[in-house]
């Protein structure tokens, strides 16, 4: 279950990659725009503001997120079964495909189905070898739930560029340095991870085990990401691909 309030804790930091990604889309007058993995829809609405004549649709697998999206064409749906229509000129998927095993096949299928002149833009986190995720996997193993985590669910930019070589591809990576406020009882990186990476672990543990897991991981994160001047430096690598069809 996704918790929109927890996910929004660091809304400014989480929205920046979406803005950087969509800035590289060159579409001028798309007919239909689809945001796959739209969450609660705030960023999807920026696509409607950019292309007011387009039909903008947001799709997400989480009923909780869609329930918070409000007005607009927002739907609960499975990305693995989605297929672009003949007038789909822009597809955006931001921080969603890392949850989808075999998403590389989906990308190839979508590019093949999109009309000439269309754009596909994707972003996925590339920080699975960062201290935060190494510690997460270690503690999950100690608690017997390591099987719910995937060690490396995404590829490097060059791999995606090769995969989509039939299109004109712009692929890159950026490491954002998030300066998170250390202003509460919990470590800020732990609070960040609760919105995304910790969800499978939380679902696998009862309340008592979750409290112990959370305390253990928080202590280890404090050692890996020490606070200074009231904040914690949290580097976060992200991978971007924009394909012009």
Protein backbone atom coordinates (compact mmCIF):
# COMPACT_ATOMS: atom_id res chain seq x y z
CA UNK A 1 0.00 0.00 0.00
CA UNK A 2 1.28 3.44 -0.95
CA UNK A 3 0.84 6.29 1.55
CA UNK A 4 0.57 9.60 -0.34
CA UNK A 5 1.34 11.64 2.79
CA UNK A 6 4.57 9.73 3.46
CA UNK A 7 5.61 9.96 -0.20
CA UNK A 8 5.09 13.74 -0.19
CA UNK A 9 7.44 14.36 2.75
CA UNK A 10 10.18 15.42 0.33
CA UNK A 11 8.01 16.68 -2.49
CA UNK A 12 10.40 19.34 -3.77
CA UNK A 13 13.30 16.91 -4.00
CA UNK A 14 11.19 14.19 -5.62
CA UNK A 15 9.69 16.56 -8.21
CA UNK A 16 12.98 17.92 -9.54
CA UNK A 17 13.87 14.85 -11.68
CA UNK A 18 10.42 14.97 -13.28
CA UNK A 19 10.95 18.60 -14.23
CA UNK A 20 14.44 17.89 -15.59
CA UNK A 21 13.14 14.90 -17.55
CA UNK A 22 10.15 16.55 -19.17
CA UNK A 23 12.18 19.64 -20.08
CA UNK A 24 13.96 17.49 -22.67
CA UNK A 25 10.76 16.45 -24.45
CA UNK A 26 10.52 18.31 -27.76
CA UNK A 27 6.82 17.79 -28.50
CA UNK A 28 5.00 21.00 -29.43
CA UNK A 29 1.35 20.02 -29.95
CA UNK A 30 0.77 16.46 -28.75
CA UNK A 31 -2.70 14.99 -29.08
CA UNK A 32 -2.58 12.60 -26.11
CA UNK A 33 -0.12 12.62 -23.20
CA UNK A 34 0.11 9.72 -20.73
CA UNK A 35 1.87 9.72 -17.36
CA UNK A 36 2.57 6.13 -16.31
CA UNK A 37 3.07 5.85 -12.56
CA UNK A 38 1.48 9.24 -11.97
CA UNK A 39 1.15 8.91 -8.20
CA UNK A 40 -1.23 11.47 -6.76
CA UNK A 41 -1.17 13.55 -9.94
CA UNK A 42 0.48 16.84 -8.95
CA UNK A 43 3.24 16.50 -11.54
CA UNK A 44 0.86 15.12 -14.16
CA UNK A 45 -1.01 18.43 -14.01
CA UNK A 46 2.14 20.26 -15.10
CA UNK A 47 1.92 18.34 -18.38
CA UNK A 48 -1.58 19.69 -18.91
CA UNK A 49 -0.33 23.19 -18.22
CA UNK A 50 2.45 22.77 -20.77
CA UNK A 51 0.17 21.28 -23.44
CA UNK A 52 -3.33 22.62 -22.69
CA UNK A 53 -4.82 21.27 -25.93
CA UNK A 54 -3.69 17.71 -25.21
CA UNK A 55 -5.70 14.96 -23.57
CA UNK A 56 -3.65 14.14 -20.45
CA UNK A 57 -4.11 10.84 -18.65
CA UNK A 58 -2.47 9.63 -15.46
CA UNK A 59 -2.23 5.92 -14.66
CA UNK A 60 -0.99 4.38 -11.42
CA UNK A 61 -1.25 0.95 -9.82
CA UNK A 62 -2.05 2.39 -6.39
CA UNK A 63 -5.73 3.08 -5.61
CA UNK A 64 -4.57 5.20 -2.64
CA UNK A 65 -2.56 7.47 -4.91
CA UNK A 66 -5.30 7.78 -7.54
CA UNK A 67 -7.83 8.58 -4.81
CA UNK A 68 -5.73 11.63 -3.94
CA UNK A 69 -5.39 12.79 -7.56
CA UNK A 70 -8.71 14.62 -7.64
CA UNK A 71 -10.09 16.08 -10.86
CA UNK A 72 -8.75 14.96 -14.20
CA UNK A 73 -8.35 11.73 -16.15
CA UNK A 74 -6.64 9.57 -13.51
CA UNK A 75 -7.00 5.81 -13.53
CA UNK A 76 -5.86 2.76 -11.61
CA UNK A 77 -3.99 0.51 -14.01
CA UNK A 78 -1.15 -1.96 -14.46
CA UNK A 79 1.74 -0.63 -16.52
CA UNK A 80 2.53 -4.09 -17.84
CA UNK A 81 -0.79 -4.22 -19.68
CA UNK A 82 -0.78 -0.68 -21.00
CA UNK A 83 -0.39 -0.01 -24.71
CA UNK A 84 -0.19 3.41 -26.43
CA UNK A 85 -3.06 4.45 -28.66
CA UNK A 86 -2.59 5.72 -32.22
CA UNK A 87 -2.71 9.35 -31.04
CA UNK A 88 -0.39 8.94 -28.02
CA UNK A 89 2.31 11.48 -28.77
CA UNK A 90 3.99 11.75 -25.35
CA UNK A 91 4.59 9.04 -22.75
CA UNK A 92 6.18 9.95 -19.42
CA UNK A 93 7.12 7.47 -16.73
CA UNK A 94 8.91 8.92 -13.73
CA UNK A 95 10.31 6.78 -10.88
CA UNK A 96 7.96 3.90 -11.63
CA UNK A 97 9.61 1.30 -13.85
CA UNK A 98 12.08 0.19 -11.16
CA UNK A 99 9.09 -1.59 -9.59
CA UNK A 100 8.30 -3.51 -12.78
CA UNK A 101 10.33 -6.66 -13.48
CA UNK A 102 11.18 -6.89 -17.15
CA UNK A 103 10.36 -3.25 -17.83
CA UNK A 104 12.98 -3.24 -20.58
CA UNK A 105 10.63 -5.33 -22.72
CA UNK A 106 7.85 -2.83 -22.06
CA UNK A 107 10.01 0.04 -23.29
CA UNK A 108 10.80 -1.75 -26.54
CA UNK A 109 7.13 -2.57 -27.04
CA UNK A 110 5.99 0.98 -26.36
CA UNK A 111 8.55 2.51 -28.73
CA UNK A 112 7.46 0.11 -31.48
CA UNK A 113 3.79 1.02 -30.96
CA UNK A 114 4.11 4.80 -30.70
CA UNK A 115 3.32 6.88 -33.80
CA UNK A 116 6.01 8.66 -35.76
CA UNK A 117 6.96 11.92 -34.07
CA UNK A 118 6.05 10.69 -30.58
CA UNK A 119 8.24 11.00 -27.47
CA UNK A 120 8.93 8.57 -24.63
CA UNK A 121 10.57 9.93 -21.48
CA UNK A 122 11.55 7.81 -18.48
CA UNK A 123 13.42 8.29 -15.22
CA UNK A 124 14.36 5.65 -12.66
CA UNK A 125 16.45 5.82 -9.50
CA UNK A 126 19.97 4.50 -9.97
CA UNK A 127 21.09 4.46 -6.35
CA UNK A 128 20.69 0.76 -5.58
CA UNK A 129 24.40 0.45 -4.77
CA UNK A 130 24.34 3.46 -2.43
CA UNK A 131 24.97 2.97 1.32
CA UNK A 132 21.26 3.46 1.99
CA UNK A 133 20.25 0.47 -0.13
CA UNK A 134 23.19 -1.72 0.87
CA UNK A 135 22.21 -1.21 4.50
CA UNK A 136 18.57 -1.83 3.66
CA UNK A 137 19.40 -5.18 2.08
CA UNK A 138 21.66 -6.14 4.98
CA UNK A 139 19.08 -5.39 7.66
CA UNK A 140 16.32 -7.02 5.63
CA UNK A 141 18.45 -10.15 5.45
CA UNK A 142 18.91 -10.08 9.23
CA UNK A 143 15.13 -9.93 9.65
CA UNK A 144 14.49 -12.71 7.14
CA UNK A 145 12.81 -10.54 4.51
CA UNK A 146 15.67 -9.94 2.11
CA UNK A 147 13.75 -11.81 -0.59
CA UNK A 148 11.26 -8.93 -0.97
CA UNK A 149 13.98 -6.60 -2.28
CA UNK A 150 15.59 -6.54 -5.71
CA UNK A 151 19.32 -5.81 -5.75
CA UNK A 152 19.63 -4.08 -9.11
CA UNK A 153 16.29 -3.54 -10.88
CA UNK A 154 17.46 -0.91 -13.40
CA UNK A 155 20.09 -0.59 -16.13
CA UNK A 156 22.70 2.07 -16.84
CA UNK A 157 22.01 4.88 -19.35
CA UNK A 158 24.14 3.24 -22.05
CA UNK A 159 22.15 0.02 -21.75
CA UNK A 160 18.85 1.83 -22.20
CA UNK A 161 20.28 3.77 -25.15
CA UNK A 162 21.29 0.51 -26.82
CA UNK A 163 17.92 -1.06 -26.04
CA UNK A 164 16.05 1.79 -27.74
CA UNK A 165 18.50 2.29 -30.58
CA UNK A 166 15.63 2.22 -33.09
CA UNK A 167 14.69 5.70 -31.80
CA UNK A 168 16.72 8.87 -31.42
CA UNK A 169 17.84 8.56 -27.80
CA UNK A 170 19.09 11.05 -25.26
CA UNK A 171 20.27 9.17 -22.14
CA UNK A 172 22.06 10.55 -19.11
CA UNK A 173 22.45 10.29 -15.37
CA UNK A 174 22.44 12.90 -12.62
CA UNK A 175 23.40 12.63 -8.97
CA UNK A 176 21.37 15.09 -6.91
CA UNK A 177 22.75 16.11 -3.54
CA UNK A 178 19.72 16.42 -1.29
CA UNK A 179 20.37 18.34 1.91
CA UNK A 180 17.72 16.87 4.19
CA UNK A 181 16.82 18.64 7.45
CA UNK A 182 17.83 16.70 10.57
CA UNK A 183 15.00 18.16 12.59
CA UNK A 184 13.19 15.20 14.10
CA UNK A 185 13.66 12.03 16.12
CA UNK A 186 14.07 9.87 13.01
CA UNK A 187 16.98 10.01 10.61
CA UNK A 188 15.91 11.92 7.46
CA UNK A 189 17.18 9.24 5.07
CA UNK A 190 15.02 6.72 6.90
CA UNK A 191 12.04 9.04 6.51
CA UNK A 192 12.84 9.41 2.80
CA UNK A 193 13.08 5.65 2.29
CA UNK A 194 9.77 5.04 4.04
CA UNK A 195 8.04 6.71 1.10
CA UNK A 196 9.42 4.26 -1.46
CA UNK A 197 12.14 1.65 -0.87
CA UNK A 198 10.88 0.44 2.52
CA UNK A 199 7.36 -0.34 1.34
CA UNK A 200 7.99 -4.06 0.54
CA UNK A 201 9.67 -4.58 3.91
CA UNK A 202 6.87 -2.86 5.80
CA UNK A 203 4.33 -5.08 4.05
CA UNK A 204 6.27 -8.21 5.05
CA UNK A 205 6.63 -7.43 8.79
CA UNK A 206 4.17 -7.18 11.64
CA UNK A 207 4.06 -4.01 13.71
CA UNK A 208 6.54 -5.18 16.36
CA UNK A 209 9.09 -6.46 13.85
CA UNK A 210 8.67 -3.31 11.78
CA UNK A 211 9.44 -1.10 14.79
CA UNK A 212 12.60 -3.09 15.51
CA UNK A 213 13.61 -3.08 11.84
CA UNK A 214 13.08 0.64 11.60
CA UNK A 215 15.17 1.34 14.70
CA UNK A 216 18.01 -0.88 13.47
CA UNK A 217 18.10 0.60 9.98
CA UNK A 218 17.83 4.14 11.34
CA UNK A 219 20.86 3.61 13.54
CA UNK A 220 22.93 2.27 10.67
CA UNK A 221 21.85 5.10 8.36
CA UNK A 222 22.94 7.64 10.99
CA UNK A 223 26.43 6.18 10.77
CA UNK A 224 26.50 6.25 6.97
CA UNK A 225 24.90 9.70 6.61
CA UNK A 226 25.96 11.83 9.60
CA UNK A 227 24.23 15.10 10.33
CA UNK A 228 26.08 18.40 10.27
CA UNK A 229 24.83 21.95 10.62
CA UNK A 230 21.32 20.60 11.12
CA UNK A 231 21.14 18.66 7.86
CA UNK A 232 22.15 15.41 6.22
CA UNK A 233 23.76 15.21 2.78
CA UNK A 234 22.03 12.47 0.77
CA UNK A 235 23.44 11.88 -2.75
CA UNK A 236 20.85 10.30 -5.05
CA UNK A 237 21.70 9.03 -8.53
CA UNK A 238 18.97 8.99 -11.18
CA UNK A 239 18.89 7.66 -14.75
CA UNK A 240 17.09 9.46 -17.57
CA UNK A 241 16.12 8.43 -21.09
CA UNK A 242 14.24 10.48 -23.69
CA UNK A 243 13.47 8.75 -26.98
CA UNK A 244 12.17 10.59 -30.05
CA UNK A 245 10.31 8.19 -32.32
